[in-house]
Every structure is written in structure tokens, then in C-alpha cells.
Amino acid sequence: MKYRKLGNTGVSLSEIGLGCMGMSHAYGIGNDEESIAVLHRALDLGINFWDTADFYGSGKNEELVSKVLSKNRDKVFIATKFGFRVKEGIKDFKSMDDAYLDCSPSYIKKAVEASLRRLKVDTIDLYYAHRIDPKVPVEETAGAMADLVREGKVKYLGLSEASAESIRRANSVHPIAALQSEYSLLTRDLEKEILPVCRKFGITLVPFSPLARGLITNTIKRENLPENDFRKTIPRFSDEYWKNNHKLAEGFEMLAKNKGCTPAQLALAWVLAQGDDIIPIPGTKKIKYLEENAKAAEINLTELDLKDIEDLIKKYPNIGPRYNANTQKLVNK
């Protein structure tokens, strides 16, 4: 495994990280035993950058990760997040309509203690605000997070799905080490303003869903998605856009075959090729996909490879929004 630096921290992280959300949240029924095996295999592969959040499975994902993390603390750089809370009275969480944002200083103090307890660690390496809370000035949120650094409960701070302006304002309070946002071949809106601001301040971009939630791999059959699979709410998997996206995925698979790799590996190689300050965190709960993703770090793309990919994307422009209207309101704030 190759490694890249996290912002200006000097910390070395694996070029391919591991998103742990799907092990407990959003993508059908999880299998804890299988997920624990994936975490151990990640250690074997040198994947030292793991990502979770207190919201995933209502804390269950942090508890799951802790079963391997706590015994291998020196081998893992752990990132988690706070901000989303399930609405009062909701027992069966089904969609983001059942949640609300709370990035108030008072809640941050409670959230970090709960995450530390579930993760069974003394310090969280990277602590993100899961979204920018419109009810709370971002300076107040960043200030409360900075207090956690001074208290030794957190090492580095991050934001998720923040706008260029929010990044500037938060960074003026305390250095921001990472921005976690969706970024892939099919989601590139942050290239215009957000990514340049990150580079100005030496902030690492941590793309989640770098495989476009599996769409670009050409392995998904919509009819086989479980009822509780989050992708059923995403426009890109709907009738309106599926024909376009399925053809795009088929074309991308052909490019991957010509390159001698899988579509997932080609998609991750493309993300890595966008800059040394980018560290994707593809999620998986299967060892075979973890191993497949890890090998993407070995793939070098030529200028012709990159051109062929761009030409294909332009051929199928009707990709569709990445979220439904309600969820989209929470990004780039």
C-alpha cells in the first residue's frame, strides 16, 4: 500500500481508506462477523485510515469498529463524525427525513464522549462535523471542536459536505485537516470552488462514495437491492436516469477491461489521479471488494486513459442528482 499525507499534519494515511458505514447502515442487512474479518484484512493490507460516524446504525458502527480498533490502536487512524440525530419518537429509522442536524457546542460535548466510549479509545484521530448546521454559526461549531483538541479528546478536525465559504470560516478558527465530501467520476461539483479552497489551506479531500455508490462498477441490479437499501432513494437509480447510467457503466467496464483492471479499480485510480491531496474511502463489507479496491493504488493512468474516461462521461450526460431534494439541501452549506 502507498501512503499520502493528511493535510499539513505530517500523518501518513493509506492511499485507499476504508469506509465502514455499509457494515451497519444504509446498504441492507449487515453481518458483523464478516465485517470484523474485513477490518482485520484491512490491517493486513496496510489500510490504516478507517471512517465511521456516530449516526451509522445509531452508534452500532462505532461499536463494531471498536472490536478490532481497540486491540490495534497503534495501527489505525480512526475518523468519526457528529451532527446527525434521529428525531424524537422515531424507533425505525428509514431515511434522512427521520433525522435532524445538531452541531451546537453543547451537543458536541456529549457526542464526543459517546463516540469515545463506543470506540473504546482515549482520543479520536480525526473528528468531523457531519454537515454544516444552518442553525449554528460555523465558527461556534469549529470553536467547540477546537476545545476538544485542547482537551486531548481529538487530534485533528474535519468538515463534511461544506461549502468553500464554510471551510474558510471554520479554518479561521482552527486548522481544518480534511474535508469529506462525495467525489467521483459522476459527482464533481466541488472541483470549481471547494477543491481550490482546500488546496489553498492545505486541506486533504477525503471522497466518500468514490465508486458512485457502486453504480460505476456495473455490478448492480436495481431489482436486487434490498428494501432498506439507501440507493432506492437516489435519483440516479430511478427509471428516469437508469438507462443512461447503465449504458455509462457498461462503457466504463469496457475501458477497465482494456486497462486490465476492474471498473472499481479504474474509478479509484481516476480519483487518486486528481491529486496527491486526495484520499478516497470506498466502503465495503466484503473481503474480496476490499482487496480489489486496495489494488487500485497500483494503477497508473496515462493522459490517453484520462481522456477516454472524460469522453465516455460526456457521451452519457443524463446522470441525475446524487440525492433527493430534501437530502440535497444539507450539502455544500
Protein backbone atom coordinates (compact mmCIF):
# COMPACT_ATOMS: atom_id res chain seq x y z
CA MET A 1 0.00 0.00 0.00
CA LYS A 2 1.16 3.53 -0.80
CA TYR A 3 0.62 6.42 1.60
CA ARG A 4 -0.26 10.10 1.43
CA LYS A 5 -0.03 12.94 3.94
CA LEU A 6 -3.08 14.26 5.75
CA GLY A 7 -3.11 17.99 5.14
CA ASN A 8 -0.30 19.76 6.97
CA THR A 9 -0.26 17.27 9.84
CA GLY A 10 2.58 15.04 8.68
CA VAL A 11 0.40 11.97 9.30
CA SER A 12 0.72 9.23 6.65
CA LEU A 13 -2.51 7.56 5.57
CA SER A 14 -3.08 4.72 3.14
CA GLU A 15 -3.96 5.97 -0.34
CA ILE A 16 -7.08 3.84 -0.14
CA GLY A 17 -9.01 4.18 3.12
CA LEU A 18 -11.96 2.16 4.37
CA GLY A 19 -15.48 3.49 4.74
CA CYS A 20 -17.25 1.42 7.40
CA MET A 21 -20.79 2.81 7.11
CA GLY A 22 -22.21 -0.01 4.98
CA MET A 23 -21.29 -2.58 7.60
CA SER A 24 -24.08 -1.27 9.84
CA HIS A 25 -26.12 1.29 7.92
CA ALA A 26 -27.86 2.17 4.65
CA TYR A 27 -26.87 -0.79 2.44
CA GLY A 28 -29.04 -3.69 3.52
CA ILE A 29 -28.51 -6.09 6.40
CA GLY A 30 -25.02 -6.27 7.86
CA ASN A 31 -23.01 -9.26 9.02
CA ASP A 32 -20.83 -8.35 12.00
CA GLU A 33 -18.64 -11.43 11.78
CA GLU A 34 -17.91 -10.81 8.13
CA SER A 35 -17.30 -7.12 8.74
CA ILE A 36 -14.81 -7.87 11.52
CA ALA A 37 -12.95 -10.13 9.09
CA VAL A 38 -12.83 -7.21 6.64
CA LEU A 39 -11.35 -4.95 9.31
CA HIS A 40 -8.63 -7.49 10.13
CA ARG A 41 -7.85 -7.92 6.43
CA ALA A 42 -7.58 -4.14 6.08
CA LEU A 43 -4.82 -4.23 8.69
CA ASP A 44 -3.03 -6.93 6.70
CA LEU A 45 -3.22 -4.79 3.56
CA GLY A 46 -1.84 -1.69 5.29
CA ILE A 47 -5.13 0.20 5.11
CA ASN A 48 -4.77 2.37 8.21
CA PHE A 49 -7.44 5.03 7.55
CA TRP A 50 -10.89 3.94 8.77
CA ASP A 51 -14.02 6.04 8.69
CA THR A 52 -17.21 5.78 10.72
CA ALA A 53 -19.79 8.08 12.36
CA ASP A 54 -21.97 8.10 15.45
CA PHE A 55 -25.04 8.16 13.20
CA TYR A 56 -24.27 4.93 11.36
CA GLY A 57 -26.54 2.32 12.84
CA SER A 58 -27.26 4.69 15.75
CA GLY A 59 -23.80 4.06 17.19
CA LYS A 60 -23.61 0.39 16.26
CA ASN A 61 -20.99 1.00 13.58
CA GLU A 62 -18.60 2.64 16.05
CA GLU A 63 -19.16 -0.28 18.43
CA LEU A 64 -18.45 -2.75 15.64
CA VAL A 65 -15.25 -1.00 14.59
CA SER A 66 -14.09 -0.88 18.21
CA LYS A 67 -13.86 -4.67 18.33
CA VAL A 68 -10.80 -4.50 16.09
CA LEU A 69 -9.68 -0.91 16.67
CA SER A 70 -9.21 -1.10 20.44
CA LYS A 71 -6.80 -4.04 20.12
CA ASN A 72 -4.88 -2.47 17.23
CA ARG A 73 -4.93 1.18 18.23
CA ASP A 74 -1.42 1.97 17.02
CA LYS A 75 -2.18 0.61 13.54
CA VAL A 76 -5.33 2.61 12.77
CA PHE A 77 -6.06 6.29 12.19
CA ILE A 78 -9.73 6.48 13.13
CA ALA A 79 -12.13 9.13 11.86
CA THR A 80 -15.67 9.60 13.09
CA LYS A 81 -18.35 12.27 12.86
CA PHE A 82 -21.09 14.01 14.82
CA GLY A 83 -24.10 16.12 13.90
CA PHE A 84 -26.99 13.94 12.74
CA ARG A 85 -29.56 12.98 15.36
CA VAL A 86 -32.66 10.83 15.00
CA LYS A 87 -35.88 12.73 15.64
CA GLU A 88 -37.69 12.18 18.92
CA GLY A 89 -40.07 9.24 18.80
CA ILE A 90 -38.51 7.62 15.73
CA LYS A 91 -37.70 3.99 16.51
CA ASP A 92 -37.37 2.60 13.00
CA PHE A 93 -35.04 4.95 11.07
CA LYS A 94 -35.81 4.74 7.34
CA SER A 95 -34.49 7.91 5.68
CA MET A 96 -32.86 11.27 6.34
CA ASP A 97 -36.36 12.66 6.82
CA ASP A 98 -36.21 10.93 10.23
CA ALA A 99 -33.13 12.91 11.29
CA TYR A 100 -32.05 16.46 12.05
CA LEU A 101 -28.76 18.32 12.44
CA ASP A 102 -27.31 19.49 15.72
CA CYS A 103 -23.81 20.97 15.64
CA SER A 104 -24.27 23.11 18.74
CA PRO A 105 -21.35 23.33 21.20
CA SER A 106 -23.45 21.73 23.92
CA TYR A 107 -24.26 18.70 21.80
CA ILE A 108 -20.68 18.34 20.54
CA LYS A 109 -19.51 17.83 24.13
CA LYS A 110 -21.99 14.99 24.57
CA ALA A 111 -21.38 13.46 21.15
CA VAL A 112 -17.62 13.16 21.53
CA GLU A 113 -17.90 11.42 24.89
CA ALA A 114 -20.36 8.90 23.43
CA SER A 115 -18.10 8.21 20.44
CA LEU A 116 -15.03 7.77 22.64
CA ARG A 117 -16.95 5.30 24.76
CA ARG A 118 -18.28 3.29 21.81
CA LEU A 119 -14.92 3.26 20.01
CA LYS A 120 -13.11 2.33 23.26
CA VAL A 121 -10.34 4.85 22.65
CA ASP A 122 -8.93 7.81 24.58
CA THR A 123 -8.54 10.04 21.55
CA ILE A 124 -10.25 10.32 18.16
CA ASP A 125 -7.72 10.95 15.40
CA LEU A 126 -10.00 12.92 13.05
CA TYR A 127 -13.33 14.36 14.15
CA TYR A 128 -15.73 15.69 11.52
CA ALA A 129 -18.83 17.82 11.64
CA HIS A 130 -21.07 15.56 9.55
CA ARG A 131 -22.75 18.55 7.89
CA ILE A 132 -22.84 22.31 8.40
CA ASP A 133 -25.73 23.14 10.70
CA PRO A 134 -27.58 26.23 9.36
CA LYS A 135 -28.83 26.98 12.88
CA VAL A 136 -25.32 27.35 14.31
CA PRO A 137 -22.59 29.71 13.04
CA VAL A 138 -19.79 27.51 11.74
CA GLU A 139 -17.32 29.48 13.87
CA GLU A 140 -19.13 28.29 17.00
CA THR A 141 -19.03 24.69 15.83
CA ALA A 142 -15.33 24.93 14.95
CA GLY A 143 -14.60 26.61 18.27
CA ALA A 144 -16.25 23.82 20.23
CA MET A 145 -14.36 21.25 18.17
CA ALA A 146 -11.11 23.12 18.82
CA ASP A 147 -11.80 22.84 22.56
CA LEU A 148 -11.78 19.06 22.12
CA VAL A 149 -8.30 19.26 20.59
CA ARG A 150 -7.06 21.31 23.54
CA GLU A 151 -8.62 18.75 25.91
CA GLY A 152 -6.83 15.90 24.16
CA LYS A 153 -10.04 14.14 23.12
CA VAL A 154 -9.47 14.81 19.40
CA LYS A 155 -6.27 15.24 17.36
CA TYR A 156 -7.45 16.80 14.09
CA LEU A 157 -10.59 18.45 12.81
CA GLY A 158 -12.62 17.91 9.66
CA LEU A 159 -15.76 19.09 7.91
CA SER A 160 -18.10 17.13 5.66
CA GLU A 161 -20.03 18.45 2.64
CA ALA A 162 -19.07 22.03 3.49
CA SER A 163 -19.08 24.97 1.09
CA ALA A 164 -15.97 26.97 0.25
CA GLU A 165 -17.17 29.79 2.48
CA SER A 166 -17.83 27.50 5.45
CA ILE A 167 -14.37 25.98 5.04
CA ARG A 168 -12.78 29.44 5.10
CA ARG A 169 -14.71 30.48 8.20
CA ALA A 170 -14.05 27.28 10.12
CA ASN A 171 -10.37 27.28 9.20
CA SER A 172 -10.03 30.82 10.56
CA VAL A 173 -10.95 29.44 14.00
CA HIS A 174 -8.82 26.28 13.94
CA PRO A 175 -6.90 24.48 11.18
CA ILE A 176 -9.09 22.03 9.26
CA ALA A 177 -7.17 18.90 8.25
CA ALA A 178 -9.72 17.23 5.98
CA LEU A 179 -12.90 17.77 4.03
CA GLN A 180 -15.01 14.68 3.49
CA SER A 181 -17.40 15.06 0.58
CA GLU A 182 -18.84 12.92 -2.16
CA TYR A 183 -16.46 12.92 -5.11
CA SER A 184 -16.29 10.52 -8.02
CA LEU A 185 -16.44 10.38 -11.79
CA LEU A 186 -20.15 11.14 -11.52
CA THR A 187 -20.04 13.75 -8.72
CA ARG A 188 -17.62 16.59 -9.42
CA ASP A 189 -19.38 19.77 -8.34
CA LEU A 190 -16.69 20.61 -5.77
CA GLU A 191 -13.98 20.99 -8.43
CA LYS A 192 -14.95 24.60 -9.21
CA GLU A 193 -14.70 26.32 -5.81
CA ILE A 194 -14.39 23.85 -2.93
CA LEU A 195 -11.33 21.88 -4.01
CA PRO A 196 -9.30 25.05 -4.79
CA VAL A 197 -10.07 26.38 -1.30
CA CYS A 198 -8.97 23.09 0.25
CA ARG A 199 -5.70 23.33 -1.64
CA LYS A 200 -5.18 26.92 -0.58
CA PHE A 201 -5.29 25.89 3.08
CA GLY A 202 -3.59 22.51 2.72
CA ILE A 203 -6.75 20.54 3.48
CA THR A 204 -6.95 16.94 2.29
CA LEU A 205 -10.04 15.91 0.36
CA VAL A 206 -11.49 12.60 1.56
CA PRO A 207 -14.01 11.41 -1.05
CA PHE A 208 -16.79 9.16 0.12
CA SER A 209 -18.73 7.12 -2.45
CA PRO A 210 -15.79 7.27 -4.90
CA LEU A 211 -17.46 4.42 -6.80
CA ALA A 212 -20.68 6.42 -7.17
CA ARG A 213 -22.37 4.09 -4.66
CA GLY A 214 -21.39 1.15 -6.82
CA LEU A 215 -23.07 2.48 -9.94
CA ILE A 216 -19.84 2.85 -11.91
CA THR A 217 -18.81 -0.77 -11.21
CA ASN A 218 -21.57 -2.16 -13.49
CA THR A 219 -22.35 -4.85 -10.90
CA ILE A 220 -25.64 -3.52 -9.53
CA LYS A 221 -29.04 -4.84 -10.49
CA ARG A 222 -31.69 -2.47 -9.24
CA GLU A 223 -34.25 -5.21 -8.77
CA ASN A 224 -31.92 -6.97 -6.32
CA LEU A 225 -31.43 -4.01 -3.99
CA PRO A 226 -32.92 -4.72 -0.52
CA GLU A 227 -35.91 -2.64 0.54
CA ASN A 228 -33.84 -0.84 3.18
CA ASP A 229 -31.02 -0.02 0.76
CA PHE A 230 -30.38 3.74 0.71
CA ARG A 231 -29.84 3.70 -3.06
CA LYS A 232 -33.56 3.19 -3.61
CA THR A 233 -33.99 6.87 -2.67
CA ILE A 234 -31.29 8.15 -5.04
CA PRO A 235 -32.44 9.59 -8.38
CA ARG A 236 -29.52 8.04 -10.27
CA PHE A 237 -31.00 4.61 -9.60
CA SER A 238 -34.50 5.63 -10.69
CA ASP A 239 -36.23 4.93 -14.00
CA GLU A 240 -35.62 8.49 -15.15
CA TYR A 241 -31.82 8.14 -15.17
CA TRP A 242 -31.09 4.43 -15.01
CA LYS A 243 -30.98 3.78 -18.77
CA ASN A 244 -28.33 6.47 -19.23
CA ASN A 245 -26.31 5.34 -16.22
CA HIS A 246 -26.44 1.66 -17.05
CA LYS A 247 -25.05 2.36 -20.53
CA LEU A 248 -22.37 4.58 -18.99
CA ALA A 249 -21.40 1.79 -16.57
CA GLU A 250 -21.21 -0.73 -19.42
CA GLY A 251 -18.94 1.59 -21.37
CA PHE A 252 -16.77 2.16 -18.32
CA GLU A 253 -16.43 -1.57 -17.80
CA MET A 254 -15.04 -1.86 -21.33
CA LEU A 255 -12.45 0.84 -20.58
CA ALA A 256 -11.45 -1.08 -17.45
CA LYS A 257 -11.07 -4.34 -19.37
CA ASN A 258 -8.84 -2.60 -21.90
CA LYS A 259 -6.73 -1.33 -18.99
CA GLY A 260 -6.54 -4.80 -17.45
CA CYS A 261 -8.40 -3.91 -14.25
CA THR A 262 -11.90 -3.85 -12.82
CA PRO A 263 -14.25 -0.86 -13.11
CA ALA A 264 -13.91 -0.23 -9.36
CA GLN A 265 -10.14 -0.11 -9.65
CA LEU A 266 -10.28 2.22 -12.64
CA ALA A 267 -12.71 4.55 -10.86
CA LEU A 268 -10.49 4.70 -7.76
CA ALA A 269 -7.38 5.20 -9.88
CA TRP A 270 -9.13 8.16 -11.52
CA VAL A 271 -9.87 9.70 -8.12
CA LEU A 272 -6.27 9.20 -6.98
CA ALA A 273 -5.03 10.78 -10.22
CA GLN A 274 -6.83 14.04 -9.42
CA GLY A 275 -4.18 14.99 -6.86
CA ASP A 276 -1.87 13.73 -4.13
CA ASP A 277 -4.02 15.58 -1.59
CA ILE A 278 -6.98 13.24 -2.19
CA ILE A 279 -7.57 10.05 -0.16
CA PRO A 280 -10.74 8.12 -1.07
CA ILE A 281 -12.54 5.90 1.43
CA PRO A 282 -14.51 3.31 -0.56
CA GLY A 283 -16.86 1.38 1.66
CA THR A 284 -17.28 -2.37 1.66
CA LYS A 285 -18.30 -5.26 3.88
CA LYS A 286 -16.72 -7.95 1.72
CA ILE A 287 -13.06 -9.03 1.78
CA LYS A 288 -12.98 -9.60 -1.99
CA TYR A 289 -14.00 -5.99 -2.66
CA LEU A 290 -11.58 -4.67 -0.05
CA GLU A 291 -8.72 -6.48 -1.77
CA GLU A 292 -9.91 -5.33 -5.18
CA ASN A 293 -10.07 -1.70 -4.03
CA ALA A 294 -6.63 -1.83 -2.43
CA LYS A 295 -5.02 -2.80 -5.74
CA ALA A 296 -6.25 0.44 -7.33
CA ALA A 297 -3.29 2.20 -5.71
CA GLU A 298 -1.01 0.27 -8.07
CA ILE A 299 -2.70 1.54 -11.26
CA ASN A 300 -1.19 4.45 -13.16
CA LEU A 301 -3.37 6.26 -15.68
CA THR A 302 -1.99 7.84 -18.83
CA GLU A 303 -3.23 11.05 -20.40
CA LEU A 304 -4.99 8.92 -23.01
CA ASP A 305 -6.69 6.89 -20.26
CA LEU A 306 -7.97 10.07 -18.64
CA LYS A 307 -9.17 11.43 -21.99
CA ASP A 308 -11.04 8.21 -22.78
CA ILE A 309 -12.80 8.41 -19.42
CA GLU A 310 -13.77 12.05 -19.91
CA ASP A 311 -15.08 11.32 -23.41
CA LEU A 312 -17.25 8.50 -22.08
CA ILE A 313 -18.74 10.65 -19.32
CA LYS A 314 -19.60 13.36 -21.86
CA LYS A 315 -21.36 10.76 -24.01
CA TYR A 316 -23.87 9.99 -21.25
CA PRO A 317 -24.63 13.32 -19.53
CA ASN A 318 -28.07 12.48 -18.09
CA ILE A 319 -26.63 11.12 -14.83
CA GLY A 320 -29.13 12.74 -12.48
CA PRO A 321 -28.84 14.30 -8.99
CA ARG A 322 -26.89 12.44 -6.34
CA TYR A 323 -29.58 12.90 -3.67
CA ASN A 324 -33.30 13.53 -3.47
CA ALA A 325 -34.36 17.15 -2.91
CA ASN A 326 -34.56 17.00 0.90
CA THR A 327 -31.15 15.40 1.39
CA GLN A 328 -29.53 17.66 -1.20
CA LYS A 329 -30.42 20.67 0.94
CA LEU A 330 -27.82 19.54 3.50
CA VAL A 331 -24.76 19.62 1.22
CA ASN A 332 -22.30 22.40 0.36
CA LYS A 333 -23.56 24.67 3.12
